[in-house]
Protein backbone atom coordinates (compact mmCIF):
# COMPACT_ATOMS: atom_id res chain seq x y z
CA GLN A 1 103.10 121.87 40.41
CA PRO A 2 103.46 118.39 41.87
CA GLY A 3 107.16 118.16 41.00
CA ILE A 4 108.07 121.37 42.89
CA LEU A 5 106.03 120.41 45.96
CA GLY A 6 107.70 117.00 46.08
CA SER A 7 111.14 118.63 45.81
CA CYS A 8 110.35 121.06 48.65
CA ILE A 9 109.20 118.29 50.96
CA CYS A 10 112.31 116.27 50.12
CA ILE A 11 114.61 119.23 50.90
CA ILE A 12 112.84 119.95 54.21
CA LEU A 13 113.05 116.30 55.28
CA THR A 14 116.72 116.15 54.27
CA LEU A 15 117.56 119.29 56.28
CA TRP A 16 115.64 117.96 59.30
CA TYR A 17 117.57 114.68 59.08
CA LEU A 18 120.96 116.41 58.76
CA PHE A 19 120.40 118.84 61.62
CA SER A 20 118.52 116.60 64.01
CA GLU A 21 120.02 115.22 67.21
CA PRO A 22 122.84 112.76 66.45
CA SER A 23 122.05 109.12 67.09
CA LYS A 24 123.33 107.23 70.13
CA PRO A 25 127.04 106.37 69.67
CA ARG A 26 128.34 102.82 69.74
CA ILE A 27 131.11 102.01 72.22
CA SER A 28 133.60 99.14 72.40
CA MET A 29 136.73 98.35 74.38
CA ASN A 30 139.94 96.51 73.53
CA PRO A 31 140.72 94.27 75.27
CA ALA A 32 137.10 93.59 76.12
CA GLY A 33 136.25 93.44 79.81
CA GLU A 34 139.39 92.77 81.82
CA VAL A 35 142.62 94.72 81.41
CA THR A 36 145.84 93.72 83.14
CA TRP A 37 147.23 96.35 85.52
CA GLY A 38 149.92 98.39 83.73
CA HIS A 39 148.64 97.61 80.22
CA ASN A 40 146.81 100.00 77.89
CA ALA A 41 143.06 99.98 77.27
CA GLU A 42 141.46 101.37 74.11
CA ILE A 43 137.88 102.58 74.04
CA THR A 44 136.41 103.30 70.61
CA CYS A 45 133.32 105.45 70.06
CA SER A 46 131.56 105.61 66.70
CA ILE A 47 128.45 107.16 65.23
CA SER A 48 126.52 106.95 61.97
CA THR A 49 128.04 109.09 59.23
CA GLN A 50 125.37 111.76 58.82
CA HIS A 51 127.07 113.99 61.42
CA LEU A 52 130.76 114.47 60.73
CA HIS A 53 133.37 116.92 62.04
CA GLY A 54 132.25 116.78 65.64
CA THR A 55 133.65 115.90 69.04
CA PHE A 56 133.47 112.63 70.92
CA ILE A 57 133.39 112.82 74.70
CA LEU A 58 134.39 109.84 76.84
CA ARG A 59 133.06 109.95 80.40
CA LYS A 60 133.48 107.68 83.37
CA THR A 61 130.07 107.23 84.97
CA SER A 62 131.47 107.89 88.44
CA GLY A 63 134.03 110.58 89.18
CA SER A 64 135.23 113.45 87.06
CA PHE A 65 137.09 111.59 84.29
CA ARG A 66 136.37 113.19 80.90
CA GLN A 67 138.34 113.14 77.64
CA THR A 68 137.44 114.71 74.31
CA GLN A 69 138.55 114.04 70.76
CA THR A 70 137.65 116.13 67.73
CA CYS A 71 137.42 114.01 64.62
CA SER A 72 136.74 114.35 60.92
CA ASN A 73 135.37 110.85 60.49
CA ASN A 74 132.76 108.85 62.36
CA SER A 75 134.89 107.31 65.14
CA ALA A 76 137.48 108.10 67.79
CA THR A 77 139.70 105.83 69.87
CA PHE A 78 140.64 106.86 73.39
CA ILE A 79 143.73 105.27 74.92
CA ILE A 80 143.95 104.83 78.68
CA PRO A 81 147.66 104.17 79.22
CA GLU A 82 149.06 101.86 81.89
CA VAL A 83 145.75 101.26 83.64
CA ASN A 84 145.59 101.05 87.41
CA PHE A 85 142.74 100.45 89.82
CA ASP A 86 141.62 104.10 89.61
CA ASN A 87 140.74 103.50 85.94
CA GLY A 88 138.33 100.67 86.73
CA GLY A 89 134.64 101.40 86.21
CA SER A 90 132.04 102.07 83.53
CA TYR A 91 132.54 104.42 80.60
CA GLN A 92 130.12 106.06 78.14
CA CYS A 93 130.50 108.13 74.98
CA GLN A 94 128.64 111.16 73.75
CA TYR A 95 128.94 112.99 70.43
CA GLN A 96 128.59 116.74 69.92
CA THR A 97 128.54 118.73 66.70
CA GLN A 98 127.68 122.25 65.61
CA VAL A 99 125.66 123.22 62.54
CA SER A 100 124.91 126.84 61.68
CA SER A 101 125.94 127.98 65.19
CA ARG A 102 123.60 125.47 66.82
CA ASP A 103 124.94 122.77 69.14
CA PHE A 104 123.67 119.22 68.83
CA SER A 105 124.42 116.45 71.34
CA SER A 106 123.73 112.75 71.07
CA PRO A 107 122.26 110.68 73.86
CA LEU A 108 124.84 108.84 75.98
CA SER A 109 126.02 105.51 74.59
CA ASP A 110 125.58 102.21 76.35
CA SER A 111 128.36 101.64 78.86
CA VAL A 112 131.43 99.42 78.80
CA ARG A 113 133.01 98.21 82.02
CA LEU A 114 136.75 98.25 82.51
CA SER A 115 137.90 95.76 85.15
CA VAL A 116 141.55 95.93 86.19
CA THR A 117 143.21 92.62 87.06
CA VAL A 118 146.65 91.72 88.37
CA LYS A 119 148.52 88.70 87.09
CA GLU A 120 149.43 86.18 89.76
CA LEU A 121 153.12 85.61 90.32
CA ASN A 122 154.21 82.00 90.15
CA LEU A 123 156.66 81.63 93.03
CA SER A 124 156.63 77.84 93.23
CA SER A 125 160.05 77.33 91.67
CA LYS A 126 161.76 80.64 92.41
CA ALA A 127 163.14 82.17 95.55
CA VAL A 128 162.44 85.82 96.26
CA TYR A 129 165.05 87.59 98.37
CA HIS A 130 163.99 90.56 100.45
CA SER A 131 166.22 92.09 103.13
CA ASN A 132 167.21 89.23 105.47
CA PHE A 133 164.39 86.91 104.45
CA VAL A 134 164.20 84.25 101.79
CA LEU A 135 160.71 83.36 100.56
CA PHE A 136 159.96 80.15 98.68
């Protein structure tokens, strides 16, 4: 019957969509771009809602930095506290989930670049005392 065949095709396509590889995550950083040394940086990863209850992985493209966050919704925010120059670099997200004992991984997200800056000290009107020296 045409109605049954149409229903079967719809179910198969729905199952394929639900259990296919997750889409590429989106990534954003706050503050965007430059972060002052000693301040916190937040990197948020998100994915479309068809794959929930998975794990976001934040990776630094160079080095061994890797953090994970299991979430029940479609986004996760990673906090990098009190950034220093070691934290500078590019970061990417990946999403992993498991359905019926099968592991599914998304492609890597685009990258965001964290640049660490240091605020300049204004010494024009203040004296700085150090040991036996006075600096102006």
